PDB file of N, CA and C in Angstrom:
ATOM      1  N   UNK A   1     101.351 115.251  72.452  1.00  0.00           N
ATOM      2  CA  UNK A   1     102.232 114.114  72.156  1.00  0.00           C
ATOM      3  C   UNK A   1     103.190 113.840  73.132  1.00  0.00           C
ATOM      4  N   UNK A   2     103.608 112.671  73.290  1.00  0.00           N
ATOM      5  CA  UNK A   2     104.682 112.284  74.281  1.00  0.00           C
ATOM      6  C   UNK A   2     105.822 111.543  73.839  1.00  0.00           C
ATOM      7  N   UNK A   3     107.138 111.761  74.045  1.00  0.00           N
ATOM      8  CA  UNK A   3     108.283 110.932  73.721  1.00  0.00           C
ATOM      9  C   UNK A   3     108.477 110.095  74.711  1.00  0.00           C
ATOM     10  N   UNK A   4     108.865 108.841  74.576  1.00  0.00           N
ATOM     11  CA  UNK A   4     109.205 107.874  75.478  1.00  0.00           C
ATOM     12  C   UNK A   4     110.804 107.408  75.215  1.00  0.00           C
ATOM     13  N   UNK A   5     111.517 107.311  76.241  1.00  0.00           N
ATOM     14  CA  UNK A   5     112.845 106.643  76.338  1.00  0.00           C
ATOM     15  C   UNK A   5     112.808 105.513  77.318  1.00  0.00           C
ATOM     16  N   UNK A   6     113.473 104.393  76.952  1.00  0.00           N
ATOM     17  CA  UNK A   6     113.464 103.175  77.699  1.00  0.00           C
ATOM     18  C   UNK A   6     114.963 102.867  77.932  1.00  0.00           C
ATOM     19  N   UNK A   7     115.356 102.705  79.172  1.00  0.00           N
ATOM     20  CA  UNK A   7     116.712 102.449  79.526  1.00  0.00           C
ATOM     21  C   UNK A   7     116.566 101.198  80.329  1.00  0.00           C
ATOM     22  N   UNK A   8     117.394 100.210  79.981  1.00  0.00           N
ATOM     23  CA  UNK A   8     117.450  98.828  80.502  1.00  0.00           C
ATOM     24  C   UNK A   8     118.802  98.946  81.509  1.00  0.00           C
ATOM     25  N   UNK A   9     118.433  98.599  82.768  1.00  0.00           N
ATOM     26  CA  UNK A   9     119.557  98.271  83.882  1.00  0.00           C
ATOM     27  C   UNK A   9     119.425  96.914  84.138  1.00  0.00           C
ATOM     28  N   UNK A  10     120.530  96.031  83.763  1.00  0.00           N
ATOM     29  CA  UNK A  10     120.717  94.558  84.049  1.00  0.00           C
ATOM     30  C   UNK A  10     120.971  94.547  85.609  1.00  0.00           C
ATOM     31  N   UNK A  11     120.641  93.446  85.965  1.00  0.00           N
ATOM     32  CA  UNK A  11     120.788  93.094  87.417  1.00  0.00           C
ATOM     33  C   UNK A  11     121.715  91.841  87.535  1.00  0.00           C
ATOM     34  N   UNK A  12     122.601  91.724  88.426  1.00  0.00           N
ATOM     35  CA  UNK A  12     123.641  90.628  88.689  1.00  0.00           C
ATOM     36  C   UNK A  12     122.670  89.444  88.901  1.00  0.00           C
ATOM     37  N   UNK A  13     123.171  88.444  88.525  1.00  0.00           N
ATOM     38  CA  UNK A  13     122.418  87.026  88.915  1.00  0.00           C
ATOM     39  C   UNK A  13     122.270  86.482  90.302  1.00  0.00           C
ATOM     40  N   UNK A  14     123.448  86.820  90.957  1.00  0.00           N
ATOM     41  CA  UNK A  14     123.688  86.253  92.347  1.00  0.00           C
ATOM     42  C   UNK A  14     123.227  87.480  93.330  1.00  0.00           C
ATOM     43  N   UNK A  15     123.657  88.651  93.274  1.00  0.00           N
ATOM     44  CA  UNK A  15     123.411  89.518  94.278  1.00  0.00           C
ATOM     45  C   UNK A  15     122.069  90.517  93.921  1.00  0.00           C
ATOM     46  N   UNK A  16     121.699  90.543  92.701  1.00  0.00           N
ATOM     47  CA  UNK A  16     120.662  91.180  92.198  1.00  0.00           C
ATOM     48  C   UNK A  16     121.140  92.781  92.239  1.00  0.00           C
ATOM     49  N   UNK A  17     122.431  92.900  92.292  1.00  0.00           N
ATOM     50  CA  UNK A  17     122.598  94.284  92.157  1.00  0.00           C
ATOM     51  C   UNK A  17     122.664  94.945  90.820  1.00  0.00           C
ATOM     52  N   UNK A  18     122.256  96.078  90.815  1.00  0.00           N
ATOM     53  CA  UNK A  18     122.057  96.752  89.314  1.00  0.00           C
ATOM     54  C   UNK A  18     123.693  97.205  88.772  1.00  0.00           C
ATOM     55  N   UNK A  19     123.727  96.817  87.436  1.00  0.00           N
ATOM     56  CA  UNK A  19     125.045  97.015  86.927  1.00  0.00           C
ATOM     57  C   UNK A  19     125.227  98.345  86.633  1.00  0.00           C
ATOM     58  N   UNK A  20     124.246  99.496  86.729  1.00  0.00           N
ATOM     59  CA  UNK A  20     124.412 100.813  86.454  1.00  0.00           C
ATOM     60  C   UNK A  20     123.728 101.589  87.760  1.00  0.00           C
ATOM     61  N   UNK A  21     124.086 102.796  87.903  1.00  0.00           N
ATOM     62  CA  UNK A  21     123.459 103.610  88.952  1.00  0.00           C
ATOM     63  C   UNK A  21     122.306 104.192  88.409  1.00  0.00           C
ATOM     64  N   UNK A  22     121.324 103.443  88.893  1.00  0.00           N
ATOM     65  CA  UNK A  22     119.589 103.880  88.218  1.00  0.00           C
ATOM     66  C   UNK A  22     119.761 105.217  88.868  1.00  0.00           C
ATOM     67  N   UNK A  23     119.851 105.603  89.991  1.00  0.00           N
ATOM     68  CA  UNK A  23     119.389 106.899  90.595  1.00  0.00           C
ATOM     69  C   UNK A  23     120.045 107.982  89.773  1.00  0.00           C
ATOM     70  N   UNK A  24     121.583 107.802  89.336  1.00  0.00           N
ATOM     71  CA  UNK A  24     122.019 108.608  88.422  1.00  0.00           C
ATOM     72  C   UNK A  24     121.310 108.957  87.125  1.00  0.00           C
ATOM     73  N   UNK A  25     121.020 107.809  86.557  1.00  0.00           N
ATOM     74  CA  UNK A  25     120.319 107.879  85.323  1.00  0.00           C
ATOM     75  C   UNK A  25     119.046 108.457  85.396  1.00  0.00           C
ATOM     76  N   UNK A  26     118.261 108.459  86.542  1.00  0.00           N
ATOM     77  CA  UNK A  26     116.858 109.235  86.693  1.00  0.00           C
ATOM     78  C   UNK A  26     117.328 110.884  86.846  1.00  0.00           C
ATOM     79  N   UNK A  27     118.414 110.990  87.594  1.00  0.00           N
ATOM     80  CA  UNK A  27     118.601 112.561  88.021  1.00  0.00           C
ATOM     81  C   UNK A  27     119.217 113.144  86.520  1.00  0.00           C
ATOM     82  N   UNK A  28     119.943 112.473  85.844  1.00  0.00           N
ATOM     83  CA  UNK A  28     120.420 113.021  84.391  1.00  0.00           C
ATOM     84  C   UNK A  28     119.164 113.230  83.409  1.00  0.00           C
ATOM     85  N   UNK A  29     118.157 112.522  83.486  1.00  0.00           N
ATOM     86  CA  UNK A  29     116.916 112.602  82.538  1.00  0.00           C
ATOM     87  C   UNK A  29     116.171 113.908  83.167  1.00  0.00           C
ATOM     88  N   UNK A  30     116.248 113.826  84.445  1.00  0.00           N
ATOM     89  CA  UNK A  30     115.357 114.840  84.873  1.00  0.00           C
ATOM     90  C   UNK A  30     115.967 116.442  84.710  1.00  0.00           C
ATOM     91  N   UNK A  31     117.293 116.363  84.937  1.00  0.00           N
ATOM     92  CA  UNK A  31     117.912 117.638  84.592  1.00  0.00           C
ATOM     93  C   UNK A  31     117.933 118.105  83.089  1.00  0.00           C
ATOM     94  N   UNK A  32     118.020 116.804  82.237  1.00  0.00           N
ATOM     95  CA  UNK A  32     117.981 117.216  80.829  1.00  0.00           C
ATOM     96  C   UNK A  32     116.724 117.617  80.205  1.00  0.00           C
ATOM     97  N   UNK A  33     115.860 117.022  80.436  1.00  0.00           N
ATOM     98  CA  UNK A  33     114.429 117.491  80.080  1.00  0.00           C
ATOM     99  C   UNK A  33     113.249 117.631  80.852  1.00  0.00           C
ATOM    100  N   UNK A  34     113.507 117.336  82.228  1.00  0.00           N
ATOM    101  CA  UNK A  34     112.304 117.287  83.083  1.00  0.00           C
ATOM    102  C   UNK A  34     111.424 116.228  82.864  1.00  0.00           C
ATOM    103  N   UNK A  35     111.720 114.855  82.248  1.00  0.00           N
ATOM    104  CA  UNK A  35     110.883 113.941  81.980  1.00  0.00           C
ATOM    105  C   UNK A  35     110.352 113.128  83.239  1.00  0.00           C
ATOM    106  N   UNK A  36     109.277 112.721  83.472  1.00  0.00           N
ATOM    107  CA  UNK A  36     108.894 111.825  84.529  1.00  0.00           C
ATOM    108  C   UNK A  36     109.252 110.342  84.083  1.00  0.00           C
ATOM    109  N   UNK A  37     109.181 109.540  85.235  1.00  0.00           N
ATOM    110  CA  UNK A  37     109.476 107.954  84.809  1.00  0.00           C
ATOM    111  C   UNK A  37     108.797 107.302  85.453  1.00  0.00           C
ATOM    112  N   UNK A  38     108.661 105.920  85.016  1.00  0.00           N
ATOM    113  CA  UNK A  38     108.103 104.804  85.776  1.00  0.00           C
ATOM    114  C   UNK A  38     109.111 103.615  85.529  1.00  0.00           C
ATOM    115  N   UNK A  39     109.051 102.568  86.344  1.00  0.00           N
ATOM    116  CA  UNK A  39     109.922 101.381  86.096  1.00  0.00           C
ATOM    117  C   UNK A  39     109.104 100.269  85.804  1.00  0.00           C
ATOM    118  N   UNK A  40     109.894  99.217  85.278  1.00  0.00           N
ATOM    119  CA  UNK A  40     109.376  97.975  84.934  1.00  0.00           C
ATOM    120  C   UNK A  40     110.077  97.003  85.445  1.00  0.00           C
ATOM    121  N   UNK A  41     110.065  96.172  86.104  1.00  0.00           N
ATOM    122  CA  UNK A  41     110.869  94.799  86.669  1.00  0.00           C
ATOM    123  C   UNK A  41     110.652  93.506  85.948  1.00  0.00           C
ATOM    124  N   UNK A  42     111.460  92.996  85.085  1.00  0.00           N
ATOM    125  CA  UNK A  42     111.422  91.950  84.556  1.00  0.00           C
ATOM    126  C   UNK A  42     111.893  90.820  85.237  1.00  0.00           C
ATOM    127  N   UNK A  43     111.270  89.489  85.315  1.00  0.00           N
ATOM    128  CA  UNK A  43     111.591  88.565  86.148  1.00  0.00           C
ATOM    129  C   UNK A  43     112.120  87.522  85.308  1.00  0.00           C
ATOM    130  N   UNK A  44     113.179  86.650  85.715  1.00  0.00           N
ATOM    131  CA  UNK A  44     113.529  85.410  85.186  1.00  0.00           C
ATOM    132  C   UNK A  44     112.482  84.446  85.270  1.00  0.00           C
ATOM    133  N   UNK A  45     112.683  83.206  84.681  1.00  0.00           N
ATOM    134  CA  UNK A  45     111.770  82.175  84.892  1.00  0.00           C
ATOM    135  C   UNK A  45     111.547  81.532  86.169  1.00  0.00           C
ATOM    136  N   UNK A  46     112.245  81.757  86.930  1.00  0.00           N
ATOM    137  CA  UNK A  46     111.927  81.382  88.401  1.00  0.00           C
ATOM    138  C   UNK A  46     111.902  82.172  89.457  1.00  0.00           C
ATOM    139  N   UNK A  47     111.460  83.436  88.956  1.00  0.00           N
ATOM    140  CA  UNK A  47     110.807  84.472  89.968  1.00  0.00           C
ATOM    141  C   UNK A  47     111.676  85.489  90.283  1.00  0.00           C
ATOM    142  N   UNK A  48     113.127  85.602  90.101  1.00  0.00           N
ATOM    143  CA  UNK A  48     113.934  86.531  90.689  1.00  0.00           C
ATOM    144  C   UNK A  48     114.043  87.548  89.441  1.00  0.00           C
ATOM    145  N   UNK A  49     114.196  88.942  89.863  1.00  0.00           N
ATOM    146  CA  UNK A  49     114.416  89.927  88.982  1.00  0.00           C
ATOM    147  C   UNK A  49     115.501  89.898  87.992  1.00  0.00           C
ATOM    148  N   UNK A  50     115.429  90.109  86.575  1.00  0.00           N
ATOM    149  CA  UNK A  50     116.500  90.221  85.620  1.00  0.00           C
ATOM    150  C   UNK A  50     117.152  91.586  85.385  1.00  0.00           C
ATOM    151  N   UNK A  51     116.250  92.396  85.427  1.00  0.00           N
ATOM    152  CA  UNK A  51     116.750  93.731  85.010  1.00  0.00           C
ATOM    153  C   UNK A  51     115.484  94.637  85.160  1.00  0.00           C
ATOM    154  N   UNK A  52     115.865  95.906  85.405  1.00  0.00           N
ATOM    155  CA  UNK A  52     114.852  97.132  85.593  1.00  0.00           C
ATOM    156  C   UNK A  52     114.793  97.808  84.306  1.00  0.00           C
ATOM    157  N   UNK A  53     113.762  98.147  83.738  1.00  0.00           N
ATOM    158  CA  UNK A  53     113.655  98.955  82.722  1.00  0.00           C
ATOM    159  C   UNK A  53     112.988 100.400  83.149  1.00  0.00           C
ATOM    160  N   UNK A  54     113.594 101.488  82.988  1.00  0.00           N
ATOM    161  CA  UNK A  54     113.258 102.724  83.475  1.00  0.00           C
ATOM    162  C   UNK A  54     112.832 103.319  82.142  1.00  0.00           C
ATOM    163  N   UNK A  55     111.321 103.889  82.383  1.00  0.00           N
ATOM    164  CA  UNK A  55     110.598 104.298  81.243  1.00  0.00           C
ATOM    165  C   UNK A  55     110.477 105.797  81.496  1.00  0.00           C
ATOM    166  N   UNK A  56     111.093 106.689  80.624  1.00  0.00           N
ATOM    167  CA  UNK A  56     111.151 108.235  80.750  1.00  0.00           C
ATOM    168  C   UNK A  56     109.955 108.651  79.740  1.00  0.00           C
ATOM    169  N   UNK A  57     109.121 109.666  80.328  1.00  0.00           N
ATOM    170  CA  UNK A  57     108.190 110.188  79.478  1.00  0.00           C
ATOM    171  C   UNK A  57     108.244 111.771  79.585  1.00  0.00           C
ATOM    172  N   UNK A  58     108.328 112.422  78.363  1.00  0.00           N
ATOM    173  CA  UNK A  58     108.242 113.777  78.332  1.00  0.00           C
ATOM    174  C   UNK A  58     107.258 114.325  77.074  1.00  0.00           C
ATOM    175  N   UNK A  59     106.825 115.582  77.581  1.00  0.00           N
ATOM    176  CA  UNK A  59     105.762 116.083  76.470  1.00  0.00           C
ATOM    177  C   UNK A  59     106.681 116.968  75.567  1.00  0.00           C
ATOM    178  N   UNK A  60     106.168 116.496  74.221  1.00  0.00           N
ATOM    179  CA  UNK A  60     106.801 117.089  73.133  1.00  0.00           C
ATOM    180  C   UNK A  60     106.079 118.693  72.968  1.00  0.00           C
ATOM    181  N   UNK A  61     106.986 119.338  72.201  1.00  0.00           N
ATOM    182  CA  UNK A  61     106.227 120.772  71.840  1.00  0.00           C
ATOM    183  C   UNK A  61     105.544 120.612  70.587  1.00  0.00           C
ATOM    184  N   UNK A  62     104.981 121.671  70.244  1.00  0.00           N
ATOM    185  CA  UNK A  62     104.133 121.630  69.027  1.00  0.00           C
ATOM    186  C   UNK A  62     104.598 121.268  67.729  1.00  0.00           C
ATOM    187  N   UNK A  63     106.056 121.651  67.850  1.00  0.00           N
ATOM    188  CA  UNK A  63     106.819 121.051  66.378  1.00  0.00           C
ATOM    189  C   UNK A  63     107.115 119.785  66.084  1.00  0.00           C
ATOM    190  N   UNK A  64     106.998 118.883  67.389  1.00  0.00           N
ATOM    191  CA  UNK A  64     107.361 117.638  67.621  1.00  0.00           C
ATOM    192  C   UNK A  64     108.777 117.377  68.177  1.00  0.00           C
ATOM    193  N   UNK A  65     109.432 118.204  68.599  1.00  0.00           N
ATOM    194  CA  UNK A  65     110.662 117.806  69.332  1.00  0.00           C
ATOM    195  C   UNK A  65     110.998 118.321  70.546  1.00  0.00           C
TER     196      UNK A  65
END
């Protein structure tokens, strides 16, 4: 069984700069529990990105935690 954690990182509408340091978020999750991750980029109606969603996945132990 796997546990998933979703972290949303908003992008500014003008420069499309992330509101939070996503590199730091990835490093923190990796240090804490060695989770792997993927990302999803959500677009606005006219095609520019609105936010990143970082999806972290880690295997749960047999007891479920």
